[in-house]
Amino acid sequence: MSDTITQTRLSMRLDTYLSDYKGKHIENDNIWKKEWDTAWEIAALARANSELTPVIVDDVRVVLNKF
């Protein structure tokens, strides 16, 4: 999954999810905040290493939809 086009598309999806997350104005005491932080950290690390996968990006989406 390291081809440039795939990584770019997955990265764009992550950017959309982050924007949606910021738009929700999540409080620090929200029960899903820790799960979001974990999923986002994994995704950010994978993005930095050009190792994003659809599964990682989908995990971020799933947590976002819990808010």
N, C-alpha and C. Protein backbone atom coordinates (compact mmCIF):
# COMPACT_ATOMS: atom_id res chain seq x y z
N MET A 1 0.82 -1.20 0.00
CA MET A 1 0.00 0.00 0.00
C MET A 1 0.86 1.26 0.00
N SER A 2 2.06 1.17 -0.47
CA SER A 2 2.92 2.34 -0.39
C SER A 2 2.97 3.14 -1.68
N ASP A 3 2.15 2.80 -2.69
CA ASP A 3 2.22 3.60 -3.91
C ASP A 3 1.69 5.01 -3.61
N THR A 4 2.21 5.95 -4.31
CA THR A 4 1.96 7.37 -4.03
C THR A 4 0.49 7.74 -4.15
N ILE A 5 -0.18 7.24 -5.16
CA ILE A 5 -1.58 7.61 -5.37
C ILE A 5 -2.44 7.09 -4.22
N THR A 6 -2.23 5.86 -3.81
CA THR A 6 -3.01 5.29 -2.71
C THR A 6 -2.75 6.05 -1.42
N GLN A 7 -1.50 6.33 -1.14
CA GLN A 7 -1.16 7.06 0.08
C GLN A 7 -1.78 8.46 0.08
N THR A 8 -1.78 9.10 -1.07
CA THR A 8 -2.35 10.43 -1.18
C THR A 8 -3.86 10.39 -0.94
N ARG A 9 -4.53 9.44 -1.54
CA ARG A 9 -5.99 9.33 -1.35
C ARG A 9 -6.34 9.04 0.10
N LEU A 10 -5.61 8.12 0.71
CA LEU A 10 -5.87 7.79 2.11
C LEU A 10 -5.58 8.99 3.01
N SER A 11 -4.53 9.71 2.70
CA SER A 11 -4.17 10.89 3.47
C SER A 11 -5.25 11.97 3.35
N MET A 12 -5.82 12.12 2.17
CA MET A 12 -6.89 13.09 1.97
C MET A 12 -8.12 12.70 2.78
N ARG A 13 -8.42 11.42 2.86
CA ARG A 13 -9.54 10.97 3.68
C ARG A 13 -9.28 11.30 5.15
N LEU A 14 -8.04 11.09 5.60
CA LEU A 14 -7.70 11.43 6.99
C LEU A 14 -7.89 12.92 7.24
N ASP A 15 -7.47 13.74 6.30
CA ASP A 15 -7.64 15.19 6.46
C ASP A 15 -9.11 15.56 6.61
N THR A 16 -9.96 14.90 5.84
CA THR A 16 -11.40 15.15 5.94
C THR A 16 -11.92 14.75 7.31
N TYR A 17 -11.49 13.60 7.80
CA TYR A 17 -11.93 13.14 9.12
C TYR A 17 -11.46 14.07 10.22
N LEU A 18 -10.23 14.57 10.11
CA LEU A 18 -9.73 15.51 11.11
C LEU A 18 -10.55 16.79 11.09
N SER A 19 -10.86 17.27 9.91
CA SER A 19 -11.68 18.47 9.78
C SER A 19 -13.06 18.26 10.41
N ASP A 20 -13.65 17.10 10.15
CA ASP A 20 -14.95 16.78 10.74
C ASP A 20 -14.85 16.71 12.26
N TYR A 21 -13.77 16.12 12.74
CA TYR A 21 -13.55 16.00 14.18
C TYR A 21 -13.46 17.39 14.82
N LYS A 22 -12.67 18.26 14.22
CA LYS A 22 -12.51 19.61 14.75
C LYS A 22 -13.83 20.37 14.72
N GLY A 23 -14.66 20.09 13.73
CA GLY A 23 -15.94 20.76 13.61
C GLY A 23 -16.94 20.34 14.67
N LYS A 24 -16.68 19.21 15.29
CA LYS A 24 -17.60 18.71 16.31
C LYS A 24 -17.35 19.33 17.68
N HIS A 25 -16.23 20.02 17.87
CA HIS A 25 -15.90 20.66 19.15
C HIS A 25 -16.00 19.66 20.31
N ILE A 26 -15.22 18.62 20.23
CA ILE A 26 -15.25 17.54 21.22
C ILE A 26 -14.59 18.00 22.51
N GLU A 27 -15.25 17.74 23.61
CA GLU A 27 -14.70 18.07 24.93
C GLU A 27 -13.72 16.98 25.37
N ASN A 28 -12.76 17.35 26.20
CA ASN A 28 -11.75 16.40 26.68
C ASN A 28 -12.33 15.27 27.51
N ASP A 29 -13.50 15.48 28.11
CA ASP A 29 -14.08 14.44 28.95
C ASP A 29 -15.03 13.51 28.18
N ASN A 30 -15.10 13.67 26.87
CA ASN A 30 -15.94 12.80 26.06
C ASN A 30 -15.43 11.36 26.15
N ILE A 31 -16.34 10.40 26.27
CA ILE A 31 -15.93 9.00 26.47
C ILE A 31 -15.18 8.42 25.27
N TRP A 32 -15.35 9.00 24.09
CA TRP A 32 -14.69 8.47 22.90
C TRP A 32 -13.37 9.20 22.59
N LYS A 33 -13.04 10.23 23.34
CA LYS A 33 -11.84 11.04 23.06
C LYS A 33 -10.57 10.21 23.11
N LYS A 34 -10.43 9.35 24.09
CA LYS A 34 -9.22 8.54 24.20
C LYS A 34 -9.11 7.58 23.01
N GLU A 35 -10.24 7.01 22.61
CA GLU A 35 -10.21 6.11 21.46
C GLU A 35 -9.84 6.87 20.18
N TRP A 36 -10.35 8.10 20.05
CA TRP A 36 -9.98 8.94 18.90
C TRP A 36 -8.48 9.21 18.92
N ASP A 37 -7.97 9.62 20.08
CA ASP A 37 -6.54 9.95 20.17
C ASP A 37 -5.68 8.77 19.76
N THR A 38 -6.06 7.58 20.19
CA THR A 38 -5.29 6.38 19.84
C THR A 38 -5.35 6.11 18.34
N ALA A 39 -6.55 6.13 17.78
CA ALA A 39 -6.72 5.86 16.35
C ALA A 39 -5.98 6.91 15.52
N TRP A 40 -6.08 8.17 15.96
CA TRP A 40 -5.42 9.24 15.21
C TRP A 40 -3.89 9.11 15.29
N GLU A 41 -3.38 8.76 16.45
CA GLU A 41 -1.93 8.60 16.61
C GLU A 41 -1.41 7.49 15.69
N ILE A 42 -2.12 6.39 15.63
CA ILE A 42 -1.72 5.28 14.75
C ILE A 42 -1.74 5.74 13.29
N ALA A 43 -2.80 6.44 12.92
CA ALA A 43 -2.91 6.92 11.54
C ALA A 43 -1.82 7.94 11.20
N ALA A 44 -1.54 8.84 12.12
CA ALA A 44 -0.51 9.85 11.87
C ALA A 44 0.86 9.22 11.70
N LEU A 45 1.15 8.22 12.51
CA LEU A 45 2.43 7.52 12.39
C LEU A 45 2.51 6.77 11.06
N ALA A 46 1.43 6.10 10.69
CA ALA A 46 1.40 5.38 9.42
C ALA A 46 1.55 6.35 8.25
N ARG A 47 0.90 7.51 8.36
CA ARG A 47 1.02 8.51 7.30
C ARG A 47 2.45 9.00 7.17
N ALA A 48 3.10 9.26 8.28
CA ALA A 48 4.48 9.74 8.26
C ALA A 48 5.43 8.73 7.62
N ASN A 49 5.10 7.45 7.76
CA ASN A 49 5.94 6.40 7.21
C ASN A 49 5.43 5.88 5.86
N SER A 50 4.45 6.55 5.28
CA SER A 50 3.82 6.14 4.02
C SER A 50 3.34 4.69 4.09
N GLU A 51 2.71 4.35 5.21
CA GLU A 51 2.22 3.00 5.43
C GLU A 51 0.71 2.99 5.74
N LEU A 52 -0.01 4.00 5.27
CA LEU A 52 -1.44 4.04 5.50
C LEU A 52 -2.11 2.87 4.78
N THR A 53 -3.12 2.32 5.41
CA THR A 53 -3.93 1.28 4.80
C THR A 53 -5.39 1.69 4.93
N PRO A 54 -6.24 1.13 4.09
CA PRO A 54 -7.67 1.44 4.23
C PRO A 54 -8.22 1.06 5.61
N VAL A 55 -7.68 0.04 6.22
CA VAL A 55 -8.14 -0.40 7.54
C VAL A 55 -7.83 0.66 8.59
N ILE A 56 -6.64 1.20 8.56
CA ILE A 56 -6.25 2.23 9.53
C ILE A 56 -7.15 3.46 9.37
N VAL A 57 -7.35 3.89 8.13
CA VAL A 57 -8.19 5.06 7.88
C VAL A 57 -9.63 4.78 8.28
N ASP A 58 -10.10 3.58 8.03
CA ASP A 58 -11.46 3.23 8.41
C ASP A 58 -11.62 3.20 9.92
N ASP A 59 -10.60 2.79 10.64
CA ASP A 59 -10.65 2.82 12.10
C ASP A 59 -10.89 4.24 12.61
N VAL A 60 -10.24 5.20 11.99
CA VAL A 60 -10.42 6.61 12.35
C VAL A 60 -11.87 7.03 12.07
N ARG A 61 -12.39 6.63 10.93
CA ARG A 61 -13.78 6.97 10.57
C ARG A 61 -14.78 6.38 11.56
N VAL A 62 -14.54 5.13 11.94
CA VAL A 62 -15.45 4.46 12.87
C VAL A 62 -15.51 5.21 14.21
N VAL A 63 -14.34 5.59 14.72
CA VAL A 63 -14.31 6.32 15.99
C VAL A 63 -14.97 7.68 15.82
N LEU A 64 -14.71 8.36 14.73
CA LEU A 64 -15.32 9.66 14.48
C LEU A 64 -16.84 9.55 14.49
N ASN A 65 -17.37 8.50 13.93
CA ASN A 65 -18.83 8.34 13.86
C ASN A 65 -19.44 8.02 15.22
N LYS A 66 -18.63 7.69 16.21
CA LYS A 66 -19.14 7.43 17.56
C LYS A 66 -19.49 8.72 18.30
N PHE A 67 -18.92 9.85 17.86
CA PHE A 67 -19.17 11.12 18.52
C PHE A 67 -20.55 11.62 18.20
